[in-house]
Amino acid sequence: MGFKPTQIANYWCQGESGYLMTLSAGRVMRWLIQHPMFMSKIFMINNVQDALYFNVHKAYLKEVEAETPAIW
């Protein structure tokens, strides 16, 4: 069975994590849309495994940094 122990340990959750990230990204996007002041100032640009990446204007950085973990 040529699997590494770390591959076996993570196997059961690999498929489900994609669903959770899609859900989380959707919730964060809804939050961004509900705040018109964010338009053209904050963009969700990518997600990789368990992280969302943003392009944020520095005036809004602290607010986004504080709010997004609470949304997930």
PDB file of N, CA and C in Angstrom:
ATOM      1  N   MET A   1       0.835  -1.180   0.000  1.00  0.00           N
ATOM      2  CA  MET A   1       0.000   0.000   0.000  1.00  0.00           C
ATOM      3  C   MET A   1       0.878   1.240   0.000  1.00  0.00           C
ATOM      4  N   GLY A   2       1.759   1.648  -0.509  1.00  0.00           N
ATOM      5  CA  GLY A   2       2.713   2.724  -0.517  1.00  0.00           C
ATOM      6  C   GLY A   2       2.257   4.086  -0.002  1.00  0.00           C
ATOM      7  N   PHE A   3       1.375   4.138   0.985  1.00  0.00           N
ATOM      8  CA  PHE A   3       0.950   5.429   1.537  1.00  0.00           C
ATOM      9  C   PHE A   3       1.820   5.813   2.719  1.00  0.00           C
ATOM     10  N   LYS A   4       2.122   7.093   2.830  1.00  0.00           N
ATOM     11  CA  LYS A   4       2.847   7.607   3.989  1.00  0.00           C
ATOM     12  C   LYS A   4       1.874   7.731   5.161  1.00  0.00           C
ATOM     13  N   PRO A   5       2.359   7.655   6.394  1.00  0.00           N
ATOM     14  CA  PRO A   5       1.462   7.808   7.553  1.00  0.00           C
ATOM     15  C   PRO A   5       0.683   9.133   7.542  1.00  0.00           C
ATOM     16  N   THR A   6       1.289  10.211   7.081  1.00  0.00           N
ATOM     17  CA  THR A   6       0.562  11.487   7.038  1.00  0.00           C
ATOM     18  C   THR A   6      -0.553  11.466   5.996  1.00  0.00           C
ATOM     19  N   GLN A   7      -0.350  10.753   4.906  1.00  0.00           N
ATOM     20  CA  GLN A   7      -1.407  10.639   3.902  1.00  0.00           C
ATOM     21  C   GLN A   7      -2.580   9.847   4.451  1.00  0.00           C
ATOM     22  N   ILE A   8      -2.295   8.782   5.156  1.00  0.00           N
ATOM     23  CA  ILE A   8      -3.358   7.957   5.729  1.00  0.00           C
ATOM     24  C   ILE A   8      -4.104   8.731   6.804  1.00  0.00           C
ATOM     25  N   ALA A   9      -3.395   9.477   7.627  1.00  0.00           N
ATOM     26  CA  ALA A   9      -4.032  10.238   8.700  1.00  0.00           C
ATOM     27  C   ALA A   9      -4.960  11.317   8.152  1.00  0.00           C
ATOM     28  N   ASN A  10      -4.643  11.906   7.018  1.00  0.00           N
ATOM     29  CA  ASN A  10      -5.447  12.996   6.457  1.00  0.00           C
ATOM     30  C   ASN A  10      -6.477  12.533   5.432  1.00  0.00           C
ATOM     31  N   TYR A  11      -6.441  11.299   5.035  1.00  0.00           N
ATOM     32  CA  TYR A  11      -7.274  10.822   3.932  1.00  0.00           C
ATOM     33  C   TYR A  11      -8.764  11.040   4.173  1.00  0.00           C
ATOM     34  N   TRP A  12      -9.240  10.741   5.365  1.00  0.00           N
ATOM     35  CA  TRP A  12     -10.675  10.785   5.636  1.00  0.00           C
ATOM     36  C   TRP A  12     -11.258  12.195   5.512  1.00  0.00           C
ATOM     37  N   CYS A  13     -10.453  13.216   5.721  1.00  0.00           N
ATOM     38  CA  CYS A  13     -10.998  14.577   5.709  1.00  0.00           C
ATOM     39  C   CYS A  13     -10.666  15.362   4.438  1.00  0.00           C
ATOM     40  N   GLN A  14      -9.896  14.822   3.536  1.00  0.00           N
ATOM     41  CA  GLN A  14      -9.475  15.578   2.363  1.00  0.00           C
ATOM     42  C   GLN A  14     -10.652  16.006   1.488  1.00  0.00           C
ATOM     43  N   GLY A  15     -11.568  15.116   1.211  1.00  0.00           N
ATOM     44  CA  GLY A  15     -12.697  15.447   0.347  1.00  0.00           C
ATOM     45  C   GLY A  15     -13.667  16.413   0.994  1.00  0.00           C
ATOM     46  N   GLU A  16     -13.930  16.241   2.261  1.00  0.00           N
ATOM     47  CA  GLU A  16     -14.885  17.092   2.961  1.00  0.00           C
ATOM     48  C   GLU A  16     -14.357  18.506   3.162  1.00  0.00           C
ATOM     49  N   SER A  17     -13.063  18.678   3.260  1.00  0.00           N
ATOM     50  CA  SER A  17     -12.525  20.017   3.499  1.00  0.00           C
ATOM     51  C   SER A  17     -12.823  20.952   2.332  1.00  0.00           C
ATOM     52  N   GLY A  18     -12.920  20.418   1.142  1.00  0.00           N
ATOM     53  CA  GLY A  18     -13.287  21.241  -0.014  1.00  0.00           C
ATOM     54  C   GLY A  18     -14.678  21.826   0.133  1.00  0.00           C
ATOM     55  N   TYR A  19     -15.605  21.042   0.649  1.00  0.00           N
ATOM     56  CA  TYR A  19     -16.962  21.541   0.883  1.00  0.00           C
ATOM     57  C   TYR A  19     -16.972  22.628   1.953  1.00  0.00           C
ATOM     58  N   LEU A  20     -16.207  22.420   3.003  1.00  0.00           N
ATOM     59  CA  LEU A  20     -16.163  23.398   4.090  1.00  0.00           C
ATOM     60  C   LEU A  20     -15.546  24.716   3.626  1.00  0.00           C
ATOM     61  N   MET A  21     -14.507  24.652   2.803  1.00  0.00           N
ATOM     62  CA  MET A  21     -13.896  25.876   2.295  1.00  0.00           C
ATOM     63  C   MET A  21     -14.835  26.604   1.343  1.00  0.00           C
ATOM     64  N   THR A  22     -15.580  25.881   0.541  1.00  0.00           N
ATOM     65  CA  THR A  22     -16.546  26.506  -0.352  1.00  0.00           C
ATOM     66  C   THR A  22     -17.620  27.231   0.454  1.00  0.00           C
ATOM     67  N   LEU A  23     -18.104  26.590   1.497  1.00  0.00           N
ATOM     68  CA  LEU A  23     -19.094  27.198   2.376  1.00  0.00           C
ATOM     69  C   LEU A  23     -18.531  28.440   3.058  1.00  0.00           C
ATOM     70  N   SER A  24     -17.330  28.332   3.576  1.00  0.00           N
ATOM     71  CA  SER A  24     -16.696  29.465   4.262  1.00  0.00           C
ATOM     72  C   SER A  24     -16.462  30.632   3.311  1.00  0.00           C
ATOM     73  N   ALA A  25     -15.984  30.347   2.123  1.00  0.00           N
ATOM     74  CA  ALA A  25     -15.745  31.409   1.139  1.00  0.00           C
ATOM     75  C   ALA A  25     -17.053  32.096   0.771  1.00  0.00           C
ATOM     76  N   GLY A  26     -18.119  31.341   0.651  1.00  0.00           N
ATOM     77  CA  GLY A  26     -19.431  31.918   0.352  1.00  0.00           C
ATOM     78  C   GLY A  26     -19.917  32.830   1.464  1.00  0.00           C
ATOM     79  N   ARG A  27     -19.720  32.412   2.702  1.00  0.00           N
ATOM     80  CA  ARG A  27     -20.138  33.238   3.842  1.00  0.00           C
ATOM     81  C   ARG A  27     -19.342  34.541   3.902  1.00  0.00           C
ATOM     82  N   VAL A  28     -18.043  34.454   3.669  1.00  0.00           N
ATOM     83  CA  VAL A  28     -17.214  35.654   3.675  1.00  0.00           C
ATOM     84  C   VAL A  28     -17.612  36.571   2.519  1.00  0.00           C
ATOM     85  N   MET A  29     -17.884  36.007   1.359  1.00  0.00           N
ATOM     86  CA  MET A  29     -18.287  36.817   0.208  1.00  0.00           C
ATOM     87  C   MET A  29     -19.614  37.525   0.478  1.00  0.00           C
ATOM     88  N   ARG A  30     -20.553  36.848   1.107  1.00  0.00           N
ATOM     89  CA  ARG A  30     -21.819  37.493   1.461  1.00  0.00           C
ATOM     90  C   ARG A  30     -21.584  38.664   2.413  1.00  0.00           C
ATOM     91  N   TRP A  31     -20.692  38.480   3.367  1.00  0.00           N
ATOM     92  CA  TRP A  31     -20.364  39.550   4.305  1.00  0.00           C
ATOM     93  C   TRP A  31     -19.789  40.749   3.552  1.00  0.00           C
ATOM     94  N   LEU A  32     -18.908  40.489   2.598  1.00  0.00           N
ATOM     95  CA  LEU A  32     -18.317  41.574   1.821  1.00  0.00           C
ATOM     96  C   LEU A  32     -19.379  42.313   1.001  1.00  0.00           C
ATOM     97  N   ILE A  33     -20.291  41.583   0.410  1.00  0.00           N
ATOM     98  CA  ILE A  33     -21.342  42.187  -0.416  1.00  0.00           C
ATOM     99  C   ILE A  33     -22.290  43.032   0.427  1.00  0.00           C
ATOM    100  N   GLN A  34     -22.531  42.627   1.673  1.00  0.00           N
ATOM    101  CA  GLN A  34     -23.440  43.367   2.557  1.00  0.00           C
ATOM    102  C   GLN A  34     -22.873  44.706   3.009  1.00  0.00           C
ATOM    103  N   HIS A  35     -21.609  44.942   2.757  1.00  0.00           N
ATOM    104  CA  HIS A  35     -20.969  46.197   3.145  1.00  0.00           C
ATOM    105  C   HIS A  35     -20.541  46.955   1.881  1.00  0.00           C
ATOM    106  N   PRO A  36     -21.396  47.841   1.387  1.00  0.00           N
ATOM    107  CA  PRO A  36     -21.092  48.558   0.139  1.00  0.00           C
ATOM    108  C   PRO A  36     -19.786  49.352   0.190  1.00  0.00           C
ATOM    109  N   MET A  37     -19.341  49.742   1.386  1.00  0.00           N
ATOM    110  CA  MET A  37     -18.092  50.508   1.474  1.00  0.00           C
ATOM    111  C   MET A  37     -16.888  49.679   1.048  1.00  0.00           C
ATOM    112  N   PHE A  38     -17.037  48.353   1.007  1.00  0.00           N
ATOM    113  CA  PHE A  38     -15.934  47.477   0.626  1.00  0.00           C
ATOM    114  C   PHE A  38     -15.769  47.339  -0.884  1.00  0.00           C
ATOM    115  N   MET A  39     -16.785  47.743  -1.645  1.00  0.00           N
ATOM    116  CA  MET A  39     -16.721  47.571  -3.091  1.00  0.00           C
ATOM    117  C   MET A  39     -15.483  48.251  -3.664  1.00  0.00           C
ATOM    118  N   SER A  40     -14.773  47.548  -4.470  1.00  0.00           N
ATOM    119  CA  SER A  40     -13.529  47.964  -5.122  1.00  0.00           C
ATOM    120  C   SER A  40     -12.397  48.251  -4.141  1.00  0.00           C
ATOM    121  N   LYS A  41     -12.559  47.832  -2.889  1.00  0.00           N
ATOM    122  CA  LYS A  41     -11.503  47.998  -1.889  1.00  0.00           C
ATOM    123  C   LYS A  41     -10.989  46.654  -1.369  1.00  0.00           C
ATOM    124  N   ILE A  42     -11.848  45.629  -1.438  1.00  0.00           N
ATOM    125  CA  ILE A  42     -11.489  44.306  -0.927  1.00  0.00           C
ATOM    126  C   ILE A  42     -11.900  43.261  -1.950  1.00  0.00           C
ATOM    127  N   PHE A  43     -10.969  42.388  -2.299  1.00  0.00           N
ATOM    128  CA  PHE A  43     -11.238  41.318  -3.253  1.00  0.00           C
ATOM    129  C   PHE A  43     -10.751  39.994  -2.683  1.00  0.00           C
ATOM    130  N   MET A  44     -11.592  38.980  -2.726  1.00  0.00           N
ATOM    131  CA  MET A  44     -11.152  37.639  -2.384  1.00  0.00           C
ATOM    132  C   MET A  44     -10.504  37.094  -3.657  1.00  0.00           C
ATOM    133  N   ILE A  45      -9.227  36.791  -3.599  1.00  0.00           N
ATOM    134  CA  ILE A  45      -8.521  36.444  -4.826  1.00  0.00           C
ATOM    135  C   ILE A  45      -8.220  34.959  -4.979  1.00  0.00           C
ATOM    136  N   ASN A  46      -8.187  34.220  -3.869  1.00  0.00           N
ATOM    137  CA  ASN A  46      -7.820  32.803  -3.993  1.00  0.00           C
ATOM    138  C   ASN A  46      -8.124  32.066  -2.696  1.00  0.00           C
ATOM    139  N   ASN A  47      -8.270  30.768  -2.794  1.00  0.00           N
ATOM    140  CA  ASN A  47      -8.262  29.939  -1.601  1.00  0.00           C
ATOM    141  C   ASN A  47      -7.396  28.717  -1.882  1.00  0.00           C
ATOM    142  N   VAL A  48      -6.616  28.353  -0.898  1.00  0.00           N
ATOM    143  CA  VAL A  48      -5.732  27.201  -1.002  1.00  0.00           C
ATOM    144  C   VAL A  48      -5.937  26.365   0.246  1.00  0.00           C
ATOM    145  N   GLN A  49      -6.419  25.162   0.059  1.00  0.00           N
ATOM    146  CA  GLN A  49      -6.692  24.205   1.123  1.00  0.00           C
ATOM    147  C   GLN A  49      -7.542  24.823   2.222  1.00  0.00           C
ATOM    148  N   ASP A  50      -6.945  25.386   3.243  1.00  0.00           N
ATOM    149  CA  ASP A  50      -7.734  25.914   4.351  1.00  0.00           C
ATOM    150  C   ASP A  50      -7.509  27.404   4.570  1.00  0.00           C
ATOM    151  N   ALA A  51      -7.171  28.135   3.530  1.00  0.00           N
ATOM    152  CA  ALA A  51      -6.889  29.562   3.664  1.00  0.00           C
ATOM    153  C   ALA A  51      -7.561  30.352   2.546  1.00  0.00           C
ATOM    154  N   LEU A  52      -8.092  31.518   2.904  1.00  0.00           N
ATOM    155  CA  LEU A  52      -8.612  32.462   1.918  1.00  0.00           C
ATOM    156  C   LEU A  52      -7.613  33.599   1.781  1.00  0.00           C
ATOM    157  N   TYR A  53      -7.383  34.035   0.571  1.00  0.00           N
ATOM    158  CA  TYR A  53      -6.447  35.120   0.316  1.00  0.00           C
ATOM    159  C   TYR A  53      -7.195  36.322  -0.247  1.00  0.00           C
ATOM    160  N   PHE A  54      -6.870  37.488   0.274  1.00  0.00           N
ATOM    161  CA  PHE A  54      -7.551  38.723  -0.094  1.00  0.00           C
ATOM    162  C   PHE A  54      -6.563  39.763  -0.592  1.00  0.00           C
ATOM    163  N   ASN A  55      -7.069  40.667  -1.398  1.00  0.00           N
ATOM    164  CA  ASN A  55      -6.381  41.905  -1.725  1.00  0.00           C
ATOM    165  C   ASN A  55      -7.203  42.987  -1.029  1.00  0.00           C
ATOM    166  N   VAL A  56      -6.618  43.599   0.010  1.00  0.00           N
ATOM    167  CA  VAL A  56      -7.361  44.522   0.873  1.00  0.00           C
ATOM    168  C   VAL A  56      -6.672  45.885   0.896  1.00  0.00           C
ATOM    169  N   HIS A  57      -7.456  46.927   0.715  1.00  0.00           N
ATOM    170  CA  HIS A  57      -6.933  48.284   0.877  1.00  0.00           C
ATOM    171  C   HIS A  57      -6.527  48.454   2.332  1.00  0.00           C
ATOM    172  N   LYS A  58      -5.419  49.106   2.570  1.00  0.00           N
ATOM    173  CA  LYS A  58      -4.875  49.189   3.921  1.00  0.00           C
ATOM    174  C   LYS A  58      -5.813  49.894   4.902  1.00  0.00           C
ATOM    175  N   ALA A  59      -6.718  50.710   4.433  1.00  0.00           N
ATOM    176  CA  ALA A  59      -7.677  51.377   5.319  1.00  0.00           C
ATOM    177  C   ALA A  59      -8.667  50.390   5.942  1.00  0.00           C
ATOM    178  N   TYR A  60      -8.865  49.248   5.298  1.00  0.00           N
ATOM    179  CA  TYR A  60      -9.836  48.272   5.769  1.00  0.00           C
ATOM    180  C   TYR A  60      -9.188  47.001   6.325  1.00  0.00           C
ATOM    181  N   LEU A  61      -7.893  46.961   6.364  1.00  0.00           N
ATOM    182  CA  LEU A  61      -7.177  45.747   6.746  1.00  0.00           C
ATOM    183  C   LEU A  61      -7.535  45.266   8.144  1.00  0.00           C
ATOM    184  N   LYS A  62      -7.530  46.138   9.128  1.00  0.00           N
ATOM    185  CA  LYS A  62      -7.816  45.743  10.516  1.00  0.00           C
ATOM    186  C   LYS A  62      -9.222  45.175  10.653  1.00  0.00           C
ATOM    187  N   GLU A  63     -10.189  45.787   9.995  1.00  0.00           N
ATOM    188  CA  GLU A  63     -11.565  45.318  10.090  1.00  0.00           C
ATOM    189  C   GLU A  63     -11.725  43.928   9.471  1.00  0.00           C
ATOM    190  N   VAL A  64     -11.159  43.740   8.295  1.00  0.00           N
ATOM    191  CA  VAL A  64     -11.253  42.441   7.621  1.00  0.00           C
ATOM    192  C   VAL A  64     -10.505  41.381   8.422  1.00  0.00           C
ATOM    193  N   GLU A  65      -9.358  41.755   8.940  1.00  0.00           N
ATOM    194  CA  GLU A  65      -8.549  40.835   9.730  1.00  0.00           C
ATOM    195  C   GLU A  65      -9.289  40.381  10.990  1.00  0.00           C
ATOM    196  N   ALA A  66     -10.067  41.265  11.584  1.00  0.00           N
ATOM    197  CA  ALA A  66     -10.808  40.928  12.800  1.00  0.00           C
ATOM    198  C   ALA A  66     -12.089  40.154  12.515  1.00  0.00           C
ATOM    199  N   GLU A  67     -12.773  40.485  11.430  1.00  0.00           N
ATOM    200  CA  GLU A  67     -14.090  39.914  11.162  1.00  0.00           C
ATOM    201  C   GLU A  67     -14.076  38.552  10.480  1.00  0.00           C
ATOM    202  N   THR A  68     -13.178  38.339   9.534  1.00  0.00           N
ATOM    203  CA  THR A  68     -13.247  37.101   8.750  1.00  0.00           C
ATOM    204  C   THR A  68     -13.102  35.825   9.585  1.00  0.00           C
ATOM    205  N   PRO A  69     -12.243  35.746  10.580  1.00  0.00           N
ATOM    206  CA  PRO A  69     -12.209  34.502  11.369  1.00  0.00           C
ATOM    207  C   PRO A  69     -13.525  34.229  12.104  1.00  0.00           C
ATOM    208  N   ALA A  70     -14.227  35.281  12.509  1.00  0.00           N
ATOM    209  CA  ALA A  70     -15.502  35.110  13.203  1.00  0.00           C
ATOM    210  C   ALA A  70     -16.593  34.594  12.269  1.00  0.00           C
ATOM    211  N   ILE A  71     -16.495  34.891  10.990  1.00  0.00           N
ATOM    212  CA  ILE A  71     -17.496  34.465  10.006  1.00  0.00           C
ATOM    213  C   ILE A  71     -17.398  32.976   9.734  1.00  0.00           C
ATOM    214  N   TRP A  72     -16.184  32.464   9.692  1.00  0.00           N
ATOM    215  CA  TRP A  72     -15.978  31.048   9.351  1.00  0.00           C
ATOM    216  C   TRP A  72     -16.710  30.200  10.327  1.00  0.00           C
TER     217      TRP A  72
END
